[in-house]
């Protein structure tokens, strides 16, 4: 499982283990699974998709701008706002 955190300037919105997250990057959407290579990307306004299980339905969270970082600890999305 992939450790995922969604953070805004006000609070930690989510911190959970998920199967996959699809992030609206400025260069296009990208999916992150457990074991993904480390990288950073800017994030555009759009819909973040959370998949709790393989083949399961996606939960969508609207986000505005920010950054995404993938590292050995998982995926962290620092968004201007989320909800």
PDB file of N, CA and C in Angstrom:
ATOM      1  N   UNK A   1       0.837  -1.187   0.000  1.00  0.00           N
ATOM      2  CA  UNK A   1       0.000   0.000   0.000  1.00  0.00           C
ATOM      3  C   UNK A   1       0.885   1.255   0.000  1.00  0.00           C
ATOM      4  N   UNK A   2       0.332   2.310  -0.530  1.00  0.00           N
ATOM      5  CA  UNK A   2       1.011   3.598  -0.652  1.00  0.00           C
ATOM      6  C   UNK A   2       0.541   4.513   0.463  1.00  0.00           C
ATOM      7  N   UNK A   3       1.491   5.116   1.197  1.00  0.00           N
ATOM      8  CA  UNK A   3       1.110   6.107   2.208  1.00  0.00           C
ATOM      9  C   UNK A   3       0.861   7.431   1.496  1.00  0.00           C
ATOM     10  N   UNK A   4      -0.326   8.020   1.707  1.00  0.00           N
ATOM     11  CA  UNK A   4      -0.733   9.245   1.035  1.00  0.00           C
ATOM     12  C   UNK A   4      -1.111  10.311   2.056  1.00  0.00           C
ATOM     13  N   UNK A   5      -0.605  11.526   1.836  1.00  0.00           N
ATOM     14  CA  UNK A   5      -1.001  12.663   2.668  1.00  0.00           C
ATOM     15  C   UNK A   5      -1.392  13.824   1.773  1.00  0.00           C
ATOM     16  N   UNK A   6      -2.495  14.464   2.124  1.00  0.00           N
ATOM     17  CA  UNK A   6      -2.962  15.672   1.454  1.00  0.00           C
ATOM     18  C   UNK A   6      -2.967  16.775   2.497  1.00  0.00           C
ATOM     19  N   UNK A   7      -2.199  17.838   2.232  1.00  0.00           N
ATOM     20  CA  UNK A   7      -2.000  18.905   3.203  1.00  0.00           C
ATOM     21  C   UNK A   7      -2.319  20.247   2.554  1.00  0.00           C
ATOM     22  N   UNK A   8      -3.021  21.117   3.297  1.00  0.00           N
ATOM     23  CA  UNK A   8      -3.240  22.499   2.881  1.00  0.00           C
ATOM     24  C   UNK A   8      -2.563  23.392   3.919  1.00  0.00           C
ATOM     25  N   UNK A   9      -2.465  24.696   3.656  1.00  0.00           N
ATOM     26  CA  UNK A   9      -1.863  25.578   4.665  1.00  0.00           C
ATOM     27  C   UNK A   9      -2.608  25.553   6.004  1.00  0.00           C
ATOM     28  N   UNK A  10      -3.890  25.206   5.976  1.00  0.00           N
ATOM     29  CA  UNK A  10      -4.690  25.202   7.201  1.00  0.00           C
ATOM     30  C   UNK A  10      -4.575  23.928   8.012  1.00  0.00           C
ATOM     31  N   UNK A  11      -4.463  22.748   7.305  1.00  0.00           N
ATOM     32  CA  UNK A  11      -4.529  21.497   8.054  1.00  0.00           C
ATOM     33  C   UNK A  11      -4.089  20.298   7.221  1.00  0.00           C
ATOM     34  N   UNK A  12      -3.918  19.193   7.914  1.00  0.00           N
ATOM     35  CA  UNK A  12      -3.711  17.900   7.270  1.00  0.00           C
ATOM     36  C   UNK A  12      -5.097  17.385   6.903  1.00  0.00           C
ATOM     37  N   UNK A  13      -5.378  17.275   5.602  1.00  0.00           N
ATOM     38  CA  UNK A  13      -6.706  16.877   5.129  1.00  0.00           C
ATOM     39  C   UNK A  13      -6.865  15.364   5.159  1.00  0.00           C
ATOM     40  N   UNK A  14      -5.850  14.641   4.696  1.00  0.00           N
ATOM     41  CA  UNK A  14      -5.889  13.177   4.652  1.00  0.00           C
ATOM     42  C   UNK A  14      -4.520  12.613   4.988  1.00  0.00           C
ATOM     43  N   UNK A  15      -4.514  11.476   5.641  1.00  0.00           N
ATOM     44  CA  UNK A  15      -3.298  10.699   5.872  1.00  0.00           C
ATOM     45  C   UNK A  15      -3.757   9.251   5.971  1.00  0.00           C
ATOM     46  N   UNK A  16      -3.499   8.479   4.905  1.00  0.00           N
ATOM     47  CA  UNK A  16      -4.002   7.111   4.871  1.00  0.00           C
ATOM     48  C   UNK A  16      -3.222   6.248   3.896  1.00  0.00           C
ATOM     49  N   UNK A  17      -3.459   4.949   3.993  1.00  0.00           N
ATOM     50  CA  UNK A  17      -2.859   3.981   3.088  1.00  0.00           C
ATOM     51  C   UNK A  17      -3.844   3.727   1.947  1.00  0.00           C
ATOM     52  N   UNK A  18      -3.376   3.863   0.718  1.00  0.00           N
ATOM     53  CA  UNK A  18      -4.234   3.663  -0.455  1.00  0.00           C
ATOM     54  C   UNK A  18      -3.508   2.790  -1.473  1.00  0.00           C
ATOM     55  N   UNK A  19      -4.251   2.316  -2.465  1.00  0.00           N
ATOM     56  CA  UNK A  19      -3.645   1.519  -3.532  1.00  0.00           C
ATOM     57  C   UNK A  19      -2.954   2.425  -4.554  1.00  0.00           C
ATOM     58  N   UNK A  20      -3.677   3.486  -5.011  1.00  0.00           N
ATOM     59  CA  UNK A  20      -3.126   4.377  -6.034  1.00  0.00           C
ATOM     60  C   UNK A  20      -3.767   5.750  -5.921  1.00  0.00           C
ATOM     61  N   UNK A  21      -2.997   6.777  -6.316  1.00  0.00           N
ATOM     62  CA  UNK A  21      -3.508   8.141  -6.389  1.00  0.00           C
ATOM     63  C   UNK A  21      -3.190   8.680  -7.776  1.00  0.00           C
ATOM     64  N   UNK A  22      -4.180   9.321  -8.414  1.00  0.00           N
ATOM     65  CA  UNK A  22      -3.962   9.996  -9.689  1.00  0.00           C
ATOM     66  C   UNK A  22      -4.001  11.501  -9.400  1.00  0.00           C
ATOM     67  N   UNK A  23      -2.887  12.176  -9.721  1.00  0.00           N
ATOM     68  CA  UNK A  23      -2.700  13.583  -9.388  1.00  0.00           C
ATOM     69  C   UNK A  23      -2.776  14.430 -10.660  1.00  0.00           C
ATOM     70  N   UNK A  24      -3.488  15.578 -10.616  1.00  0.00           N
ATOM     71  CA  UNK A  24      -3.532  16.469 -11.778  1.00  0.00           C
ATOM     72  C   UNK A  24      -2.275  17.345 -11.841  1.00  0.00           C
ATOM     73  N   UNK A  25      -1.231  16.826 -12.442  1.00  0.00           N
ATOM     74  CA  UNK A  25       0.020  17.581 -12.569  1.00  0.00           C
ATOM     75  C   UNK A  25      -0.075  18.637 -13.660  1.00  0.00           C
ATOM     76  N   UNK A  26       0.771  19.641 -13.600  1.00  0.00           N
ATOM     77  CA  UNK A  26       0.736  20.702 -14.611  1.00  0.00           C
ATOM     78  C   UNK A  26       1.142  20.188 -15.984  1.00  0.00           C
ATOM     79  N   UNK A  27       1.901  19.102 -16.043  1.00  0.00           N
ATOM     80  CA  UNK A  27       2.306  18.517 -17.320  1.00  0.00           C
ATOM     81  C   UNK A  27       1.402  17.360 -17.724  1.00  0.00           C
ATOM     82  N   UNK A  28       0.335  17.143 -16.961  1.00  0.00           N
ATOM     83  CA  UNK A  28      -0.596  16.055 -17.229  1.00  0.00           C
ATOM     84  C   UNK A  28      -0.823  15.220 -15.985  1.00  0.00           C
ATOM     85  N   UNK A  29      -1.897  14.464 -15.979  1.00  0.00           N
ATOM     86  CA  UNK A  29      -2.208  13.613 -14.834  1.00  0.00           C
ATOM     87  C   UNK A  29      -1.172  12.499 -14.712  1.00  0.00           C
ATOM     88  N   UNK A  30      -0.859  12.116 -13.464  1.00  0.00           N
ATOM     89  CA  UNK A  30       0.058  10.990 -13.250  1.00  0.00           C
ATOM     90  C   UNK A  30      -0.439  10.143 -12.089  1.00  0.00           C
ATOM     91  N   UNK A  31      -0.258   8.844 -12.236  1.00  0.00           N
ATOM     92  CA  UNK A  31      -0.651   7.907 -11.197  1.00  0.00           C
ATOM     93  C   UNK A  31       0.543   7.482 -10.371  1.00  0.00           C
ATOM     94  N   UNK A  32       0.319   7.308  -9.072  1.00  0.00           N
ATOM     95  CA  UNK A  32       1.383   6.898  -8.161  1.00  0.00           C
ATOM     96  C   UNK A  32       0.939   5.636  -7.427  1.00  0.00           C
ATOM     97  N   UNK A  33       1.763   4.604  -7.527  1.00  0.00           N
ATOM     98  CA  UNK A  33       1.566   3.343  -6.819  1.00  0.00           C
ATOM     99  C   UNK A  33       2.704   3.164  -5.816  1.00  0.00           C
ATOM    100  N   UNK A  34       2.562   2.216  -4.922  1.00  0.00           N
ATOM    101  CA  UNK A  34       3.637   1.888  -3.981  1.00  0.00           C
ATOM    102  C   UNK A  34       4.914   1.567  -4.760  1.00  0.00           C
ATOM    103  N   UNK A  35       6.058   2.069  -4.297  1.00  0.00           N
ATOM    104  CA  UNK A  35       7.332   1.788  -4.943  1.00  0.00           C
ATOM    105  C   UNK A  35       7.655   2.707  -6.112  1.00  0.00           C
ATOM    106  N   UNK A  36       6.860   3.755  -6.326  1.00  0.00           N
ATOM    107  CA  UNK A  36       7.095   4.690  -7.434  1.00  0.00           C
ATOM    108  C   UNK A  36       8.451   5.385  -7.262  1.00  0.00           C
ATOM    109  N   UNK A  37       9.094   5.691  -8.367  1.00  0.00           N
ATOM    110  CA  UNK A  37      10.371   6.415  -8.324  1.00  0.00           C
ATOM    111  C   UNK A  37      10.156   7.801  -7.718  1.00  0.00           C
ATOM    112  N   UNK A  38      11.124   8.299  -6.945  1.00  0.00           N
ATOM    113  CA  UNK A  38      10.995   9.621  -6.334  1.00  0.00           C
ATOM    114  C   UNK A  38      10.962  10.731  -7.384  1.00  0.00           C
ATOM    115  N   UNK A  39      10.105  11.706  -7.173  1.00  0.00           N
ATOM    116  CA  UNK A  39      10.096  12.909  -8.004  1.00  0.00           C
ATOM    117  C   UNK A  39       9.192  13.960  -7.390  1.00  0.00           C
ATOM    118  N   UNK A  40       9.273  15.169  -7.951  1.00  0.00           N
ATOM    119  CA  UNK A  40       8.407  16.276  -7.534  1.00  0.00           C
ATOM    120  C   UNK A  40       7.728  16.844  -8.766  1.00  0.00           C
ATOM    121  N   UNK A  41       6.521  17.384  -8.581  1.00  0.00           N
ATOM    122  CA  UNK A  41       5.783  17.990  -9.677  1.00  0.00           C
ATOM    123  C   UNK A  41       4.920  19.119  -9.135  1.00  0.00           C
ATOM    124  N   UNK A  42       4.684  20.119  -9.955  1.00  0.00           N
ATOM    125  CA  UNK A  42       3.677  21.111  -9.604  1.00  0.00           C
ATOM    126  C   UNK A  42       2.315  20.526  -9.946  1.00  0.00           C
ATOM    127  N   UNK A  43       1.298  21.024  -9.271  1.00  0.00           N
ATOM    128  CA  UNK A  43      -0.059  20.502  -9.410  1.00  0.00           C
ATOM    129  C   UNK A  43      -0.964  21.622  -9.906  1.00  0.00           C
ATOM    130  N   UNK A  44      -1.836  21.289 -10.864  1.00  0.00           N
ATOM    131  CA  UNK A  44      -2.797  22.268 -11.363  1.00  0.00           C
ATOM    132  C   UNK A  44      -4.138  22.074 -10.642  1.00  0.00           C
ATOM    133  N   UNK A  45      -5.020  23.041 -10.787  1.00  0.00           N
ATOM    134  CA  UNK A  45      -6.372  22.904 -10.253  1.00  0.00           C
ATOM    135  C   UNK A  45      -7.029  21.711 -10.934  1.00  0.00           C
ATOM    136  N   UNK A  46      -7.671  20.861 -10.163  1.00  0.00           N
ATOM    137  CA  UNK A  46      -8.317  19.702 -10.765  1.00  0.00           C
ATOM    138  C   UNK A  46      -8.784  18.719  -9.720  1.00  0.00           C
ATOM    139  N   UNK A  47      -8.992  17.482 -10.173  1.00  0.00           N
ATOM    140  CA  UNK A  47      -9.522  16.428  -9.310  1.00  0.00           C
ATOM    141  C   UNK A  47      -8.445  15.395  -9.008  1.00  0.00           C
ATOM    142  N   UNK A  48      -8.169  15.220  -7.738  1.00  0.00           N
ATOM    143  CA  UNK A  48      -7.272  14.179  -7.263  1.00  0.00           C
ATOM    144  C   UNK A  48      -8.130  12.923  -7.101  1.00  0.00           C
ATOM    145  N   UNK A  49      -7.657  11.786  -7.614  1.00  0.00           N
ATOM    146  CA  UNK A  49      -8.431  10.548  -7.516  1.00  0.00           C
ATOM    147  C   UNK A  49      -7.725   9.561  -6.599  1.00  0.00           C
ATOM    148  N   UNK A  50      -8.443   9.073  -5.587  1.00  0.00           N
ATOM    149  CA  UNK A  50      -7.913   8.087  -4.641  1.00  0.00           C
ATOM    150  C   UNK A  50      -8.537   6.726  -4.923  1.00  0.00           C
ATOM    151  N   UNK A  51      -7.703   5.722  -5.049  1.00  0.00           N
ATOM    152  CA  UNK A  51      -8.166   4.346  -5.208  1.00  0.00           C
ATOM    153  C   UNK A  51      -7.708   3.569  -3.980  1.00  0.00           C
ATOM    154  N   UNK A  52      -8.642   3.131  -3.166  1.00  0.00           N
ATOM    155  CA  UNK A  52      -8.284   2.409  -1.940  1.00  0.00           C
ATOM    156  C   UNK A  52      -7.887   0.961  -2.221  1.00  0.00           C
ATOM    157  N   UNK A  53      -8.459   0.388  -3.301  1.00  0.00           N
ATOM    158  CA  UNK A  53      -8.138  -0.992  -3.667  1.00  0.00           C
ATOM    159  C   UNK A  53      -7.946  -1.081  -5.172  1.00  0.00           C
ATOM    160  N   UNK A  54      -7.220  -2.101  -5.608  1.00  0.00           N
ATOM    161  CA  UNK A  54      -7.023  -2.314  -7.040  1.00  0.00           C
ATOM    162  C   UNK A  54      -8.372  -2.639  -7.666  1.00  0.00           C
ATOM    163  N   UNK A  55      -8.728  -1.904  -8.714  1.00  0.00           N
ATOM    164  CA  UNK A  55      -9.990  -2.121  -9.389  1.00  0.00           C
ATOM    165  C   UNK A  55     -11.190  -1.498  -8.703  1.00  0.00           C
ATOM    166  N   UNK A  56     -10.971  -0.854  -7.543  1.00  0.00           N
ATOM    167  CA  UNK A  56     -12.068  -0.226  -6.813  1.00  0.00           C
ATOM    168  C   UNK A  56     -12.450   1.120  -7.412  1.00  0.00           C
ATOM    169  N   UNK A  57     -13.560   1.641  -6.953  1.00  0.00           N
ATOM    170  CA  UNK A  57     -14.029   2.943  -7.417  1.00  0.00           C
ATOM    171  C   UNK A  57     -13.151   4.054  -6.852  1.00  0.00           C
ATOM    172  N   UNK A  58     -13.018   5.120  -7.621  1.00  0.00           N
ATOM    173  CA  UNK A  58     -12.192   6.250  -7.194  1.00  0.00           C
ATOM    174  C   UNK A  58     -13.001   7.223  -6.358  1.00  0.00           C
ATOM    175  N   UNK A  59     -12.353   7.757  -5.321  1.00  0.00           N
ATOM    176  CA  UNK A  59     -12.902   8.893  -4.586  1.00  0.00           C
ATOM    177  C   UNK A  59     -12.223  10.126  -5.162  1.00  0.00           C
ATOM    178  N   UNK A  60     -12.994  11.161  -5.442  1.00  0.00           N
ATOM    179  CA  UNK A  60     -12.447  12.369  -6.058  1.00  0.00           C
ATOM    180  C   UNK A  60     -12.427  13.510  -5.051  1.00  0.00           C
ATOM    181  N   UNK A  61     -11.287  14.216  -4.998  1.00  0.00           N
ATOM    182  CA  UNK A  61     -11.151  15.389  -4.134  1.00  0.00           C
ATOM    183  C   UNK A  61     -10.681  16.543  -5.005  1.00  0.00           C
ATOM    184  N   UNK A  62     -11.436  17.631  -5.006  1.00  0.00           N
ATOM    185  CA  UNK A  62     -11.043  18.815  -5.773  1.00  0.00           C
ATOM    186  C   UNK A  62      -9.902  19.520  -5.059  1.00  0.00           C
ATOM    187  N   UNK A  63      -8.840  19.853  -5.816  1.00  0.00           N
ATOM    188  CA  UNK A  63      -7.711  20.586  -5.226  1.00  0.00           C
ATOM    189  C   UNK A  63      -7.375  21.787  -6.100  1.00  0.00           C
ATOM    190  N   UNK A  64      -6.715  22.768  -5.474  1.00  0.00           N
ATOM    191  CA  UNK A  64      -6.252  23.949  -6.194  1.00  0.00           C
ATOM    192  C   UNK A  64      -4.746  24.071  -6.012  1.00  0.00           C
ATOM    193  N   UNK A  65      -4.026  24.025  -7.127  1.00  0.00           N
ATOM    194  CA  UNK A  65      -2.594  24.290  -7.158  1.00  0.00           C
ATOM    195  C   UNK A  65      -1.765  23.598  -6.092  1.00  0.00           C
ATOM    196  N   UNK A  66      -0.460  23.778  -6.189  1.00  0.00           N
ATOM    197  CA  UNK A  66       0.445  23.256  -5.184  1.00  0.00           C
ATOM    198  C   UNK A  66       1.543  22.390  -5.767  1.00  0.00           C
ATOM    199  N   UNK A  67       2.002  21.444  -4.951  1.00  0.00           N
ATOM    200  CA  UNK A  67       3.108  20.570  -5.308  1.00  0.00           C
ATOM    201  C   UNK A  67       2.808  19.149  -4.862  1.00  0.00           C
ATOM    202  N   UNK A  68       3.409  18.194  -5.552  1.00  0.00           N
ATOM    203  CA  UNK A  68       3.331  16.785  -5.158  1.00  0.00           C
ATOM    204  C   UNK A  68       4.748  16.255  -5.056  1.00  0.00           C
ATOM    205  N   UNK A  69       5.001  15.478  -4.013  1.00  0.00           N
ATOM    206  CA  UNK A  69       6.318  14.859  -3.840  1.00  0.00           C
ATOM    207  C   UNK A  69       6.141  13.378  -3.579  1.00  0.00           C
ATOM    208  N   UNK A  70       6.863  12.574  -4.366  1.00  0.00           N
ATOM    209  CA  UNK A  70       6.896  11.131  -4.156  1.00  0.00           C
ATOM    210  C   UNK A  70       8.290  10.803  -3.631  1.00  0.00           C
ATOM    211  N   UNK A  71       8.344  10.087  -2.496  1.00  0.00           N
ATOM    212  CA  UNK A  71       9.635   9.648  -1.960  1.00  0.00           C
ATOM    213  C   UNK A  71       9.450   8.279  -1.313  1.00  0.00           C
ATOM    214  N   UNK A  72      10.456   7.810  -0.624  1.00  0.00           N
ATOM    215  CA  UNK A  72      10.389   6.473  -0.022  1.00  0.00           C
ATOM    216  C   UNK A  72       9.262   6.347   0.993  1.00  0.00           C
ATOM    217  N   UNK A  73       8.836   7.476   1.583  1.00  0.00           N
ATOM    218  CA  UNK A  73       7.772   7.451   2.586  1.00  0.00           C
ATOM    219  C   UNK A  73       6.385   7.417   1.959  1.00  0.00           C
ATOM    220  N   UNK A  74       6.273   7.741   0.653  1.00  0.00           N
ATOM    221  CA  UNK A  74       4.981   7.739  -0.013  1.00  0.00           C
ATOM    222  C   UNK A  74       4.776   8.999  -0.842  1.00  0.00           C
ATOM    223  N   UNK A  75       3.505   9.418  -0.949  1.00  0.00           N
ATOM    224  CA  UNK A  75       3.119  10.596  -1.742  1.00  0.00           C
ATOM    225  C   UNK A  75       2.546  11.654  -0.823  1.00  0.00           C
ATOM    226  N   UNK A  76       3.082  12.868  -0.952  1.00  0.00           N
ATOM    227  CA  UNK A  76       2.535  14.010  -0.223  1.00  0.00           C
ATOM    228  C   UNK A  76       2.118  15.056  -1.250  1.00  0.00           C
ATOM    229  N   UNK A  77       0.865  15.524  -1.152  1.00  0.00           N
ATOM    230  CA  UNK A  77       0.377  16.587  -2.001  1.00  0.00           C
ATOM    231  C   UNK A  77       0.161  17.806  -1.106  1.00  0.00           C
ATOM    232  N   UNK A  78       0.867  18.897  -1.424  1.00  0.00           N
ATOM    233  CA  UNK A  78       0.719  20.161  -0.721  1.00  0.00           C
ATOM    234  C   UNK A  78      -0.121  21.060  -1.612  1.00  0.00           C
ATOM    235  N   UNK A  79      -1.398  21.208  -1.279  1.00  0.00           N
ATOM    236  CA  UNK A  79      -2.335  21.950  -2.125  1.00  0.00           C
ATOM    237  C   UNK A  79      -2.678  23.299  -1.503  1.00  0.00           C
ATOM    238  N   UNK A  80      -2.964  24.274  -2.351  1.00  0.00           N
ATOM    239  CA  UNK A  80      -3.403  25.581  -1.853  1.00  0.00           C
ATOM    240  C   UNK A  80      -4.732  25.444  -1.126  1.00  0.00           C
ATOM    241  N   UNK A  81      -5.616  24.600  -1.663  1.00  0.00           N
ATOM    242  CA  UNK A  81      -6.879  24.289  -0.989  1.00  0.00           C
ATOM    243  C   UNK A  81      -7.368  22.934  -1.479  1.00  0.00           C
ATOM    244  N   UNK A  82      -8.203  22.300  -0.676  1.00  0.00           N
ATOM    245  CA  UNK A  82      -8.745  20.985  -1.016  1.00  0.00           C
ATOM    246  C   UNK A  82     -10.152  20.870  -0.468  1.00  0.00           C
ATOM    247  N   UNK A  83     -10.980  20.153  -1.188  1.00  0.00           N
ATOM    248  CA  UNK A  83     -12.328  19.954  -0.679  1.00  0.00           C
ATOM    249  C   UNK A  83     -13.252  19.747  -1.786  1.00  0.00           C
TER     250      UNK A  83
END
